[in-house]
Amino acid sequence: MMTLTAPLRCNTGAAIRVAALVLCLAPPVGAAQILGLESPTCFVSDQSGDYFISNINGEPEARDNNGFITKVNSHGKVTHLKFIQGGVDNVHLHAPKGMAIEGEILYVADLDQLKGFDKTTGKLLVTVSFPPPPSSHGAVSLTDVAVGPNGLLYVSDQGANTIYRVETLAHHKVSLLIHDDRLAGPRGVAVHPQTGHVIAVSWNKGKIFDIAPDGHLTELESNGFLTGRFQNLSGVDFDRWGNMYVSDLSKGKIWRMTRDGKFRVIAEYLPAPAHVSIDRTNNIILVPYQYDNAAEMNGLETPTVGKGKDGKRTLADYGFIAPPPRPPTASPQPGATGNK
């Protein structure tokens, strides 16, 4: 295996052993490590070239109003450490976790509310509250958010085994997509760029689920009795070709599942990779390291679709130059350039 970079030292004194990997290779331009964060949980991209990182900055369930959102440019340089900050400008932001961008709004899952901010100014535009689902003992704790077609958002509640649907074009109306104990702690969610189905990853049992628009649940992958491949799955996203990436926070691994259903580790020995996401436009993987107060962006190998075993590879296959134009049939949904 090839090590992407030398170990990175954070301000905590802990060493990050960055992605060692089969398919994830560091291009000379575009690879970057971001330091000085505070329990970063989600790292998303925008078509404008900006990137955003959510920082819990404290206990993950504390109503301490000191969470913040960091803005980063395309070179991985922090342009505004506390672009949005709890306790400043009448903003209440306690423990921001999952994020997604729809149009001009950056949506942030913050405990029992989904908050929408102007992605340019940071101004709070909308606050969405959620009714507790049945059998949840009245508690709501949101962990991730994903953008679907037609202005839909999908929001996961890990503790309540619930995924909500939010209609942004209908005054952010909230409805229940699914409430099912089989979800086993749905921590991360993404929308498949081809099918439009919700994909959820389980924290408690290391399972991966497909959820149809009508709420029908299908188990895609789970740990076998003798093969404990996954432990605590945290994040999930897709590249433009439909390959799926999942992060295992406890095992420190990132897996890639190709469209033929084959899994392969592309990074390991990582310090708590949280909500991994993909910048589909630039074919870059975005990884926040929750317990090391740092994050990383790095180039991904471009799949050699249509090439034989002896087909000649180019620098684009390894992220050193721009990848080829995206196939017309695999164009991402509007506003979904790796923004969950």
C-alpha atoms as a PDB file:
ATOM      1  CA  MET A   1       0.000   0.000   0.000  1.00  0.00           C
ATOM      2  CA  MET A   2       1.051   3.543  -0.675  1.00  0.00           C
ATOM      3  CA  THR A   3       0.990   6.239   1.968  1.00  0.00           C
ATOM      4  CA  LEU A   4      -0.444   9.487   0.703  1.00  0.00           C
ATOM      5  CA  THR A   5       1.410  11.855   2.971  1.00  0.00           C
ATOM      6  CA  ALA A   6       3.598  11.865   6.039  1.00  0.00           C
ATOM      7  CA  PRO A   7       1.804  11.647   9.394  1.00  0.00           C
ATOM      8  CA  LEU A   8       0.091  14.901  10.237  1.00  0.00           C
ATOM      9  CA  ARG A   9       0.457  16.403  13.694  1.00  0.00           C
ATOM     10  CA  CYS A  10      -2.586  18.159  15.085  1.00  0.00           C
ATOM     11  CA  ASN A  11      -2.758  20.729  17.814  1.00  0.00           C
ATOM     12  CA  THR A  12      -3.869  17.926  20.133  1.00  0.00           C
ATOM     13  CA  GLY A  13      -0.479  16.282  19.689  1.00  0.00           C
ATOM     14  CA  ALA A  14      -2.076  13.191  18.152  1.00  0.00           C
ATOM     15  CA  ALA A  15      -0.705  11.868  14.879  1.00  0.00           C
ATOM     16  CA  ILE A  16      -2.938  11.390  11.857  1.00  0.00           C
ATOM     17  CA  ARG A  17      -1.915   8.499   9.696  1.00  0.00           C
ATOM     18  CA  VAL A  18      -3.512   9.580   6.478  1.00  0.00           C
ATOM     19  CA  ALA A  19      -5.070   7.383   3.885  1.00  0.00           C
ATOM     20  CA  ALA A  20      -2.972   4.648   2.782  1.00  0.00           C
ATOM     21  CA  LEU A  21      -4.523   3.560  -0.293  1.00  0.00           C
ATOM     22  CA  VAL A  22      -5.272   1.480  -3.073  1.00  0.00           C
ATOM     23  CA  LEU A  23      -7.529   3.827  -4.971  1.00  0.00           C
ATOM     24  CA  CYS A  24      -7.143   7.151  -3.184  1.00  0.00           C
ATOM     25  CA  LEU A  25      -4.019   8.881  -4.474  1.00  0.00           C
ATOM     26  CA  ALA A  26      -2.764  12.341  -3.567  1.00  0.00           C
ATOM     27  CA  PRO A  27      -2.433  14.658  -6.557  1.00  0.00           C
ATOM     28  CA  PRO A  28       0.311  17.310  -6.324  1.00  0.00           C
ATOM     29  CA  VAL A  29      -2.357  20.014  -6.411  1.00  0.00           C
ATOM     30  CA  GLY A  30      -5.617  19.641  -4.510  1.00  0.00           C
ATOM     31  CA  ALA A  31      -4.565  17.457  -1.598  1.00  0.00           C
ATOM     32  CA  ALA A  32      -4.822  19.372   1.651  1.00  0.00           C
ATOM     33  CA  GLN A  33      -5.069  18.921   5.397  1.00  0.00           C
ATOM     34  CA  ILE A  34      -7.028  21.369   7.530  1.00  0.00           C
ATOM     35  CA  LEU A  35      -6.032  21.890  11.172  1.00  0.00           C
ATOM     36  CA  GLY A  36      -7.399  23.902  14.079  1.00  0.00           C
ATOM     37  CA  LEU A  37     -10.914  22.429  13.976  1.00  0.00           C
ATOM     38  CA  GLU A  38     -13.023  21.334  16.947  1.00  0.00           C
ATOM     39  CA  SER A  39     -14.625  17.884  16.649  1.00  0.00           C
ATOM     40  CA  PRO A  40     -15.324  18.178  12.904  1.00  0.00           C
ATOM     41  CA  THR A  41     -18.129  15.896  11.803  1.00  0.00           C
ATOM     42  CA  CYS A  42     -19.129  16.742   8.232  1.00  0.00           C
ATOM     43  CA  PHE A  43     -17.204  18.184   5.245  1.00  0.00           C
ATOM     44  CA  VAL A  44     -19.163  19.152   2.120  1.00  0.00           C
ATOM     45  CA  SER A  45     -18.516  20.921  -1.167  1.00  0.00           C
ATOM     46  CA  ASP A  46     -20.410  23.489  -3.205  1.00  0.00           C
ATOM     47  CA  GLN A  47     -20.477  24.166  -6.945  1.00  0.00           C
ATOM     48  CA  SER A  48     -19.078  27.638  -6.230  1.00  0.00           C
ATOM     49  CA  GLY A  49     -15.763  26.077  -5.139  1.00  0.00           C
ATOM     50  CA  ASP A  50     -16.307  26.649  -1.419  1.00  0.00           C
ATOM     51  CA  TYR A  51     -16.185  23.880   1.163  1.00  0.00           C
ATOM     52  CA  PHE A  52     -17.825  23.777   4.600  1.00  0.00           C
ATOM     53  CA  ILE A  53     -16.923  21.816   7.749  1.00  0.00           C
ATOM     54  CA  SER A  54     -19.217  21.423  10.768  1.00  0.00           C
ATOM     55  CA  ASN A  55     -17.589  21.621  14.207  1.00  0.00           C
ATOM     56  CA  ILE A  56     -19.371  20.258  17.291  1.00  0.00           C
ATOM     57  CA  ASN A  57     -16.910  22.013  19.636  1.00  0.00           C
ATOM     58  CA  GLY A  58     -17.941  20.201  22.808  1.00  0.00           C
ATOM     59  CA  GLU A  59     -20.185  17.322  23.759  1.00  0.00           C
ATOM     60  CA  PRO A  60     -22.203  15.988  20.804  1.00  0.00           C
ATOM     61  CA  GLU A  61     -25.561  16.353  22.593  1.00  0.00           C
ATOM     62  CA  ALA A  62     -24.861  19.513  24.633  1.00  0.00           C
ATOM     63  CA  ARG A  63     -26.963  22.647  24.144  1.00  0.00           C
ATOM     64  CA  ASP A  64     -23.951  24.888  24.662  1.00  0.00           C
ATOM     65  CA  ASN A  65     -24.451  27.200  21.663  1.00  0.00           C
ATOM     66  CA  ASN A  66     -20.770  27.137  20.687  1.00  0.00           C
ATOM     67  CA  GLY A  67     -20.833  25.000  17.538  1.00  0.00           C
ATOM     68  CA  PHE A  68     -19.502  26.546  14.341  1.00  0.00           C
ATOM     69  CA  ILE A  69     -19.123  26.083  10.586  1.00  0.00           C
ATOM     70  CA  THR A  70     -15.736  26.552   8.901  1.00  0.00           C
ATOM     71  CA  LYS A  71     -15.373  27.753   5.306  1.00  0.00           C
ATOM     72  CA  VAL A  72     -12.466  26.431   3.210  1.00  0.00           C
ATOM     73  CA  ASN A  73     -11.403  27.236  -0.359  1.00  0.00           C
ATOM     74  CA  SER A  74     -10.572  24.797  -3.156  1.00  0.00           C
ATOM     75  CA  HIS A  75      -6.908  24.668  -2.084  1.00  0.00           C
ATOM     76  CA  GLY A  76      -7.833  23.575   1.432  1.00  0.00           C
ATOM     77  CA  LYS A  77      -7.051  26.949   2.995  1.00  0.00           C
ATOM     78  CA  VAL A  78      -9.348  28.106   5.786  1.00  0.00           C
ATOM     79  CA  THR A  79     -10.927  31.357   4.637  1.00  0.00           C
ATOM     80  CA  HIS A  80     -13.168  31.771   7.686  1.00  0.00           C
ATOM     81  CA  LEU A  81     -12.715  29.478  10.692  1.00  0.00           C
ATOM     82  CA  LYS A  82     -16.025  30.475  12.285  1.00  0.00           C
ATOM     83  CA  PHE A  83     -18.045  31.469   9.238  1.00  0.00           C
ATOM     84  CA  ILE A  84     -21.223  30.607  11.165  1.00  0.00           C
ATOM     85  CA  GLN A  85     -20.936  30.565  14.946  1.00  0.00           C
ATOM     86  CA  GLY A  86     -23.315  29.782  17.769  1.00  0.00           C
ATOM     87  CA  GLY A  87     -23.827  32.737  20.098  1.00  0.00           C
ATOM     88  CA  VAL A  88     -22.930  35.315  17.419  1.00  0.00           C
ATOM     89  CA  ASP A  89     -25.414  37.438  15.420  1.00  0.00           C
ATOM     90  CA  ASN A  90     -28.396  35.799  17.131  1.00  0.00           C
ATOM     91  CA  VAL A  91     -27.391  32.362  15.829  1.00  0.00           C
ATOM     92  CA  HIS A  92     -28.107  29.331  17.992  1.00  0.00           C
ATOM     93  CA  LEU A  93     -25.853  26.467  16.913  1.00  0.00           C
ATOM     94  CA  HIS A  94     -25.130  23.800  19.504  1.00  0.00           C
ATOM     95  CA  ALA A  95     -23.637  20.636  17.992  1.00  0.00           C
ATOM     96  CA  PRO A  96     -23.748  20.826  14.181  1.00  0.00           C
ATOM     97  CA  LYS A  97     -23.319  17.431  12.523  1.00  0.00           C
ATOM     98  CA  GLY A  98     -24.478  16.518   9.014  1.00  0.00           C
ATOM     99  CA  MET A  99     -24.812  19.169   6.300  1.00  0.00           C
ATOM    100  CA  ALA A 100     -26.076  19.505   2.734  1.00  0.00           C
ATOM    101  CA  ILE A 101     -26.405  22.310   0.204  1.00  0.00           C
ATOM    102  CA  GLU A 102     -29.575  22.914  -1.786  1.00  0.00           C
ATOM    103  CA  GLY A 103     -29.482  25.951  -4.041  1.00  0.00           C
ATOM    104  CA  GLU A 104     -28.240  28.905  -2.014  1.00  0.00           C
ATOM    105  CA  ILE A 105     -28.890  27.324   1.373  1.00  0.00           C
ATOM    106  CA  LEU A 106     -26.507  25.370   3.578  1.00  0.00           C
ATOM    107  CA  TYR A 107     -28.601  23.036   5.731  1.00  0.00           C
ATOM    108  CA  VAL A 108     -27.172  21.893   9.072  1.00  0.00           C
ATOM    109  CA  ALA A 109     -28.478  19.159  11.402  1.00  0.00           C
ATOM    110  CA  ASP A 110     -28.273  20.570  14.927  1.00  0.00           C
ATOM    111  CA  LEU A 111     -29.699  18.349  17.671  1.00  0.00           C
ATOM    112  CA  ASP A 112     -33.504  18.532  17.248  1.00  0.00           C
ATOM    113  CA  GLN A 113     -33.573  21.167  14.494  1.00  0.00           C
ATOM    114  CA  LEU A 114     -32.511  21.558  10.883  1.00  0.00           C
ATOM    115  CA  LYS A 115     -31.147  25.041  10.232  1.00  0.00           C
ATOM    116  CA  GLY A 116     -30.688  26.665   6.848  1.00  0.00           C
ATOM    117  CA  PHE A 117     -28.063  29.381   6.330  1.00  0.00           C
ATOM    118  CA  ASP A 118     -27.246  31.559   3.337  1.00  0.00           C
ATOM    119  CA  LYS A 119     -24.138  29.848   2.001  1.00  0.00           C
ATOM    120  CA  THR A 120     -22.596  33.207   1.010  1.00  0.00           C
ATOM    121  CA  THR A 121     -23.385  35.443   3.975  1.00  0.00           C
ATOM    122  CA  GLY A 122     -23.956  32.887   6.739  1.00  0.00           C
ATOM    123  CA  LYS A 123     -27.293  34.475   7.636  1.00  0.00           C
ATOM    124  CA  LEU A 124     -29.861  32.182   9.235  1.00  0.00           C
ATOM    125  CA  LEU A 125     -32.762  31.758   6.817  1.00  0.00           C
ATOM    126  CA  VAL A 126     -34.872  28.903   8.137  1.00  0.00           C
ATOM    127  CA  THR A 127     -35.276  26.730  11.210  1.00  0.00           C
ATOM    128  CA  VAL A 128     -37.131  23.423  10.943  1.00  0.00           C
ATOM    129  CA  SER A 129     -38.332  21.538  14.023  1.00  0.00           C
ATOM    130  CA  PHE A 130     -39.193  17.837  14.050  1.00  0.00           C
ATOM    131  CA  PRO A 131     -41.977  16.022  15.896  1.00  0.00           C
ATOM    132  CA  PRO A 132     -40.716  12.970  17.763  1.00  0.00           C
ATOM    133  CA  PRO A 133     -41.558   9.730  15.949  1.00  0.00           C
ATOM    134  CA  PRO A 134     -43.590   6.931  17.581  1.00  0.00           C
ATOM    135  CA  SER A 135     -41.793   4.901  20.254  1.00  0.00           C
ATOM    136  CA  SER A 136     -38.935   7.401  20.484  1.00  0.00           C
ATOM    137  CA  HIS A 137     -39.661   8.550  24.055  1.00  0.00           C
ATOM    138  CA  GLY A 138     -40.002  12.132  22.824  1.00  0.00           C
ATOM    139  CA  ALA A 139     -36.338  12.631  21.906  1.00  0.00           C
ATOM    140  CA  VAL A 140     -35.053  13.933  18.565  1.00  0.00           C
ATOM    141  CA  SER A 141     -31.337  14.042  17.751  1.00  0.00           C
ATOM    142  CA  LEU A 142     -30.497  14.597  14.091  1.00  0.00           C
ATOM    143  CA  THR A 143     -27.240  13.284  12.670  1.00  0.00           C
ATOM    144  CA  ASP A 144     -27.166  13.831   8.896  1.00  0.00           C
ATOM    145  CA  VAL A 145     -28.970  15.437   5.966  1.00  0.00           C
ATOM    146  CA  ALA A 146     -28.973  14.660   2.248  1.00  0.00           C
ATOM    147  CA  VAL A 147     -30.394  16.386  -0.827  1.00  0.00           C
ATOM    148  CA  GLY A 148     -32.817  14.526  -3.055  1.00  0.00           C
ATOM    149  CA  PRO A 149     -34.646  15.456  -6.269  1.00  0.00           C
ATOM    150  CA  ASN A 150     -37.352  18.108  -6.495  1.00  0.00           C
ATOM    151  CA  GLY A 151     -36.199  20.067  -3.449  1.00  0.00           C
ATOM    152  CA  LEU A 152     -36.468  17.164  -1.032  1.00  0.00           C
ATOM    153  CA  LEU A 153     -34.182  16.742   1.962  1.00  0.00           C
ATOM    154  CA  TYR A 154     -33.729  13.565   3.984  1.00  0.00           C
ATOM    155  CA  VAL A 155     -32.684  13.830   7.628  1.00  0.00           C
ATOM    156  CA  SER A 156     -31.580  10.959   9.877  1.00  0.00           C
ATOM    157  CA  ASP A 157     -32.238  10.544  13.584  1.00  0.00           C
ATOM    158  CA  GLN A 158     -29.804   7.913  14.809  1.00  0.00           C
ATOM    159  CA  GLY A 159     -31.266   7.377  18.266  1.00  0.00           C
ATOM    160  CA  ALA A 160     -34.875   7.112  17.096  1.00  0.00           C
ATOM    161  CA  ASN A 161     -34.156   4.837  14.086  1.00  0.00           C
ATOM    162  CA  THR A 162     -35.907   7.373  11.897  1.00  0.00           C
ATOM    163  CA  ILE A 163     -35.426   9.168   8.599  1.00  0.00           C
ATOM    164  CA  TYR A 164     -37.514  12.232   7.853  1.00  0.00           C
ATOM    165  CA  ARG A 165     -38.494  13.841   4.567  1.00  0.00           C
ATOM    166  CA  VAL A 166     -38.432  17.650   4.293  1.00  0.00           C
ATOM    167  CA  GLU A 167     -40.105  19.400   1.349  1.00  0.00           C
ATOM    168  CA  THR A 168     -38.209  22.654   0.825  1.00  0.00           C
ATOM    169  CA  LEU A 169     -40.670  23.747  -1.903  1.00  0.00           C
ATOM    170  CA  ALA A 170     -43.622  23.367   0.497  1.00  0.00           C
ATOM    171  CA  HIS A 171     -42.443  25.635   3.313  1.00  0.00           C
ATOM    172  CA  HIS A 172     -40.143  22.894   4.667  1.00  0.00           C
ATOM    173  CA  LYS A 173     -42.976  20.532   5.482  1.00  0.00           C
ATOM    174  CA  VAL A 174     -41.733  17.571   7.560  1.00  0.00           C
ATOM    175  CA  SER A 175     -43.018  14.025   7.121  1.00  0.00           C
ATOM    176  CA  LEU A 176     -41.859  10.567   8.110  1.00  0.00           C
ATOM    177  CA  LEU A 177     -40.045   8.532   5.453  1.00  0.00           C
ATOM    178  CA  ILE A 178     -39.355   5.567   7.723  1.00  0.00           C
ATOM    179  CA  HIS A 179     -39.296   4.668  11.411  1.00  0.00           C
ATOM    180  CA  ASP A 180     -37.964   1.150  11.841  1.00  0.00           C
ATOM    181  CA  ASP A 181     -35.760  -0.478  14.472  1.00  0.00           C
ATOM    182  CA  ARG A 182     -34.066  -2.496  11.720  1.00  0.00           C
ATOM    183  CA  LEU A 183     -32.201   0.684  10.771  1.00  0.00           C
ATOM    184  CA  ALA A 184     -30.053   0.075  13.874  1.00  0.00           C
ATOM    185  CA  GLY A 185     -28.931   3.659  14.389  1.00  0.00           C
ATOM    186  CA  PRO A 186     -28.980   5.340  10.940  1.00  0.00           C
ATOM    187  CA  ARG A 187     -26.109   7.801  11.270  1.00  0.00           C
ATOM    188  CA  GLY A 188     -25.213   8.844   7.719  1.00  0.00           C
ATOM    189  CA  VAL A 189     -27.519   9.267   4.722  1.00  0.00           C
ATOM    190  CA  ALA A 190     -27.031   9.977   1.027  1.00  0.00           C
ATOM    191  CA  VAL A 191     -29.234   9.955  -2.054  1.00  0.00           C
ATOM    192  CA  HIS A 192     -28.193   7.623  -4.844  1.00  0.00           C
ATOM    193  CA  PRO A 193     -27.476   9.860  -7.887  1.00  0.00           C
ATOM    194  CA  GLN A 194     -29.119   7.414 -10.312  1.00  0.00           C
ATOM    195  CA  THR A 195     -32.056   5.862  -8.414  1.00  0.00           C
ATOM    196  CA  GLY A 196     -32.987   8.714  -6.094  1.00  0.00           C
ATOM    197  CA  HIS A 197     -33.299   6.222  -3.222  1.00  0.00           C
ATOM    198  CA  VAL A 198     -31.994   7.067   0.239  1.00  0.00           C
ATOM    199  CA  ILE A 199     -28.949   5.077   1.353  1.00  0.00           C
ATOM    200  CA  ALA A 200     -28.447   4.887   5.120  1.00  0.00           C
ATOM    201  CA  VAL A 201     -25.536   3.440   7.103  1.00  0.00           C
ATOM    202  CA  SER A 202     -26.008   1.878  10.517  1.00  0.00           C
ATOM    203  CA  TRP A 203     -23.937   2.893  13.517  1.00  0.00           C
ATOM    204  CA  ASN A 204     -25.076   0.087  15.810  1.00  0.00           C
ATOM    205  CA  LYS A 205     -24.734  -2.940  13.530  1.00  0.00           C
ATOM    206  CA  GLY A 206     -22.631  -1.856  10.569  1.00  0.00           C
ATOM    207  CA  LYS A 207     -25.390  -2.315   7.985  1.00  0.00           C
ATOM    208  CA  ILE A 208     -26.151  -0.477   4.748  1.00  0.00           C
ATOM    209  CA  PHE A 209     -29.756   0.075   3.677  1.00  0.00           C
ATOM    210  CA  ASP A 210     -31.629   1.199   0.565  1.00  0.00           C
ATOM    211  CA  ILE A 211     -34.874   3.074   1.246  1.00  0.00           C
ATOM    212  CA  ALA A 212     -37.319   3.657  -1.593  1.00  0.00           C
ATOM    213  CA  PRO A 213     -39.436   6.844  -1.819  1.00  0.00           C
ATOM    214  CA  ASP A 214     -42.382   4.927  -0.349  1.00  0.00           C
ATOM    215  CA  GLY A 215     -40.280   3.926   2.685  1.00  0.00           C
ATOM    216  CA  HIS A 216     -39.657   0.320   1.616  1.00  0.00           C
ATOM    217  CA  LEU A 217     -36.479  -0.899   3.332  1.00  0.00           C
ATOM    218  CA  THR A 218     -33.918  -3.206   1.689  1.00  0.00           C
ATOM    219  CA  GLU A 219     -30.731  -4.355   3.369  1.00  0.00           C
ATOM    220  CA  LEU A 220     -27.829  -3.971   0.939  1.00  0.00           C
ATOM    221  CA  GLU A 221     -24.958  -5.139   3.107  1.00  0.00           C
ATOM    222  CA  SER A 222     -24.391  -6.332   6.651  1.00  0.00           C
ATOM    223  CA  ASN A 223     -21.775  -7.996   8.773  1.00  0.00           C
ATOM    224  CA  GLY A 224     -21.806 -11.769   8.584  1.00  0.00           C
ATOM    225  CA  PHE A 225     -21.589 -14.065  11.599  1.00  0.00           C
ATOM    226  CA  LEU A 226     -17.913 -14.779  10.947  1.00  0.00           C
ATOM    227  CA  THR A 227     -16.938 -11.690   8.945  1.00  0.00           C
ATOM    228  CA  GLY A 228     -17.263  -8.456  10.886  1.00  0.00           C
ATOM    229  CA  ARG A 229     -16.365  -6.174   8.019  1.00  0.00           C
ATOM    230  CA  PHE A 230     -17.907  -3.029   9.516  1.00  0.00           C
ATOM    231  CA  GLN A 231     -18.190  -1.724  13.058  1.00  0.00           C
ATOM    232  CA  ASN A 232     -19.625   1.795  13.446  1.00  0.00           C
ATOM    233  CA  LEU A 233     -20.506   3.236  10.041  1.00  0.00           C
ATOM    234  CA  SER A 234     -20.701   7.021  10.099  1.00  0.00           C
ATOM    235  CA  GLY A 235     -20.809   8.512   6.600  1.00  0.00           C
ATOM    236  CA  VAL A 236     -21.855   7.590   3.069  1.00  0.00           C
ATOM    237  CA  ASP A 237     -21.716   9.273  -0.333  1.00  0.00           C
ATOM    238  CA  PHE A 238     -21.395   8.537  -4.060  1.00  0.00           C
ATOM    239  CA  ASP A 239     -19.057   9.616  -6.819  1.00  0.00           C
ATOM    240  CA  ARG A 240     -20.390  10.665 -10.215  1.00  0.00           C
ATOM    241  CA  TRP A 241     -20.145   7.092 -11.551  1.00  0.00           C
ATOM    242  CA  GLY A 242     -22.354   5.665  -8.825  1.00  0.00           C
ATOM    243  CA  ASN A 243     -19.616   4.074  -6.715  1.00  0.00           C
ATOM    244  CA  MET A 244     -20.424   4.246  -2.995  1.00  0.00           C
ATOM    245  CA  TYR A 245     -18.040   5.290  -0.215  1.00  0.00           C
ATOM    246  CA  VAL A 246     -18.654   4.543   3.464  1.00  0.00           C
ATOM    247  CA  SER A 247     -16.601   5.496   6.512  1.00  0.00           C
ATOM    248  CA  ASP A 248     -16.175   3.351   9.590  1.00  0.00           C
ATOM    249  CA  LEU A 249     -15.351   5.698  12.457  1.00  0.00           C
ATOM    250  CA  SER A 250     -14.296   3.037  14.966  1.00  0.00           C
ATOM    251  CA  LYS A 251     -12.194   0.924  12.595  1.00  0.00           C
ATOM    252  CA  GLY A 252     -10.653   3.982  10.930  1.00  0.00           C
ATOM    253  CA  LYS A 253     -11.417   2.789   7.411  1.00  0.00           C
ATOM    254  CA  ILE A 254     -13.037   4.063   4.259  1.00  0.00           C
ATOM    255  CA  TRP A 255     -14.559   1.496   1.917  1.00  0.00           C
ATOM    256  CA  ARG A 256     -15.547   1.813  -1.702  1.00  0.00           C
ATOM    257  CA  MET A 257     -18.332  -0.328  -3.155  1.00  0.00           C
ATOM    258  CA  THR A 258     -18.272  -0.423  -6.931  1.00  0.00           C
ATOM    259  CA  ARG A 259     -21.394  -0.765  -9.016  1.00  0.00           C
ATOM    260  CA  ASP A 260     -20.883  -4.534  -9.259  1.00  0.00           C
ATOM    261  CA  GLY A 261     -21.235  -4.771  -5.467  1.00  0.00           C
ATOM    262  CA  LYS A 262     -17.577  -5.406  -4.649  1.00  0.00           C
ATOM    263  CA  PHE A 263     -16.099  -3.773  -1.536  1.00  0.00           C
ATOM    264  CA  ARG A 264     -12.509  -2.646  -1.148  1.00  0.00           C
ATOM    265  CA  VAL A 265     -10.718  -0.648   1.544  1.00  0.00           C
ATOM    266  CA  ILE A 266      -9.269   2.523   0.023  1.00  0.00           C
ATOM    267  CA  ALA A 267      -8.017   4.068   3.265  1.00  0.00           C
ATOM    268  CA  GLU A 268      -7.184   2.748   6.716  1.00  0.00           C
ATOM    269  CA  TYR A 269      -5.457   3.708   9.977  1.00  0.00           C
ATOM    270  CA  LEU A 270      -7.515   6.902   9.969  1.00  0.00           C
ATOM    271  CA  PRO A 271      -8.329   8.697  13.243  1.00  0.00           C
ATOM    272  CA  ALA A 272     -12.141   8.561  13.440  1.00  0.00           C
ATOM    273  CA  PRO A 273     -13.315   9.418   9.904  1.00  0.00           C
ATOM    274  CA  ALA A 274     -16.815  10.852  10.382  1.00  0.00           C
ATOM    275  CA  HIS A 275     -19.258  11.916   7.621  1.00  0.00           C
ATOM    276  CA  VAL A 276     -17.189  11.295   4.502  1.00  0.00           C
ATOM    277  CA  SER A 277     -18.411  12.999   1.316  1.00  0.00           C
ATOM    278  CA  ILE A 278     -17.392  13.318  -2.326  1.00  0.00           C
ATOM    279  CA  ASP A 279     -16.876  16.462  -4.404  1.00  0.00           C
ATOM    280  CA  ARG A 280     -18.249  14.934  -7.599  1.00  0.00           C
ATOM    281  CA  THR A 281     -17.221  17.809  -9.828  1.00  0.00           C
ATOM    282  CA  ASN A 282     -13.525  17.547  -8.980  1.00  0.00           C
ATOM    283  CA  ASN A 283     -13.474  13.864  -7.932  1.00  0.00           C
ATOM    284  CA  ILE A 284     -12.160  14.648  -4.449  1.00  0.00           C
ATOM    285  CA  ILE A 285     -12.885  12.819  -1.215  1.00  0.00           C
ATOM    286  CA  LEU A 286     -13.546  14.962   1.884  1.00  0.00           C
ATOM    287  CA  VAL A 287     -12.850  13.411   5.285  1.00  0.00           C
ATOM    288  CA  PRO A 288     -13.313  15.048   8.723  1.00  0.00           C
ATOM    289  CA  TYR A 289     -11.339  13.446  11.570  1.00  0.00           C
ATOM    290  CA  GLN A 290     -13.700  13.941  14.484  1.00  0.00           C
ATOM    291  CA  TYR A 291     -11.350  13.087  17.347  1.00  0.00           C
ATOM    292  CA  ASP A 292      -8.212  14.710  15.907  1.00  0.00           C
ATOM    293  CA  ASN A 293      -9.645  18.163  15.177  1.00  0.00           C
ATOM    294  CA  ALA A 294      -8.567  18.024  11.548  1.00  0.00           C
ATOM    295  CA  ALA A 295      -9.882  17.225   8.079  1.00  0.00           C
ATOM    296  CA  GLU A 296      -8.460  16.171   4.734  1.00  0.00           C
ATOM    297  CA  MET A 297      -9.310  16.549   1.054  1.00  0.00           C
ATOM    298  CA  ASN A 298      -7.681  14.249  -1.469  1.00  0.00           C
ATOM    299  CA  GLY A 299      -7.952  13.100  -5.072  1.00  0.00           C
ATOM    300  CA  LEU A 300      -9.664   9.859  -6.043  1.00  0.00           C
ATOM    301  CA  GLU A 301      -8.739   7.496  -8.823  1.00  0.00           C
ATOM    302  CA  THR A 302     -10.999   7.813 -11.832  1.00  0.00           C
ATOM    303  CA  PRO A 303     -12.605   4.493 -12.788  1.00  0.00           C
ATOM    304  CA  THR A 304     -11.386   3.178 -16.126  1.00  0.00           C
ATOM    305  CA  VAL A 305     -14.854   2.472 -17.462  1.00  0.00           C
ATOM    306  CA  GLY A 306     -14.768   0.842 -20.857  1.00  0.00           C
ATOM    307  CA  LYS A 307     -11.055   0.037 -20.777  1.00  0.00           C
ATOM    308  CA  GLY A 308      -9.838  -3.511 -21.083  1.00  0.00           C
ATOM    309  CA  LYS A 309      -7.312  -5.068 -18.775  1.00  0.00           C
ATOM    310  CA  ASP A 310      -4.548  -3.818 -21.047  1.00  0.00           C
ATOM    311  CA  GLY A 311      -6.145  -0.428 -21.645  1.00  0.00           C
ATOM    312  CA  LYS A 312      -3.733   2.467 -21.313  1.00  0.00           C
ATOM    313  CA  ARG A 313      -4.286   4.685 -18.295  1.00  0.00           C
ATOM    314  CA  THR A 314      -3.731   8.412 -18.265  1.00  0.00           C
ATOM    315  CA  LEU A 315      -2.847  10.861 -15.524  1.00  0.00           C
ATOM    316  CA  ALA A 316      -6.571  11.588 -15.182  1.00  0.00           C
ATOM    317  CA  ASP A 317      -7.053   8.049 -13.874  1.00  0.00           C
ATOM    318  CA  TYR A 318      -5.067   9.021 -10.805  1.00  0.00           C
ATOM    319  CA  GLY A 319      -6.318  12.543 -10.220  1.00  0.00           C
ATOM    320  CA  PHE A 320      -3.196  14.353 -11.439  1.00  0.00           C
ATOM    321  CA  ILE A 321      -5.094  16.179 -14.184  1.00  0.00           C
ATOM    322  CA  ALA A 322      -8.755  16.963 -14.686  1.00  0.00           C
ATOM    323  CA  PRO A 323     -10.921  13.865 -15.118  1.00  0.00           C
ATOM    324  CA  PRO A 324     -12.800  13.314 -18.381  1.00  0.00           C
ATOM    325  CA  PRO A 325     -16.206  14.946 -18.909  1.00  0.00           C
ATOM    326  CA  ARG A 326     -18.895  13.209 -16.940  1.00  0.00           C
ATOM    327  CA  PRO A 327     -21.079  10.762 -18.884  1.00  0.00           C
ATOM    328  CA  PRO A 328     -24.424  12.334 -19.890  1.00  0.00           C
ATOM    329  CA  THR A 329     -26.359   9.503 -18.231  1.00  0.00           C
ATOM    330  CA  ALA A 330     -24.548   9.901 -14.923  1.00  0.00           C
ATOM    331  CA  SER A 331     -24.991  13.612 -14.330  1.00  0.00           C
ATOM    332  CA  PRO A 332     -25.623  14.394 -10.662  1.00  0.00           C
ATOM    333  CA  GLN A 333     -28.869  15.865  -9.482  1.00  0.00           C
ATOM    334  CA  PRO A 334     -29.034  19.692  -9.441  1.00  0.00           C
ATOM    335  CA  GLY A 335     -27.161  21.026  -6.428  1.00  0.00           C
ATOM    336  CA  ALA A 336     -25.639  17.618  -5.669  1.00  0.00           C
ATOM    337  CA  THR A 337     -21.911  18.084  -6.300  1.00  0.00           C
ATOM    338  CA  GLY A 338     -20.861  15.934  -3.398  1.00  0.00           C
ATOM    339  CA  ASN A 339     -22.989  17.971  -1.018  1.00  0.00           C
ATOM    340  CA  LYS A 340     -24.659  14.906   0.402  1.00  0.00           C
END
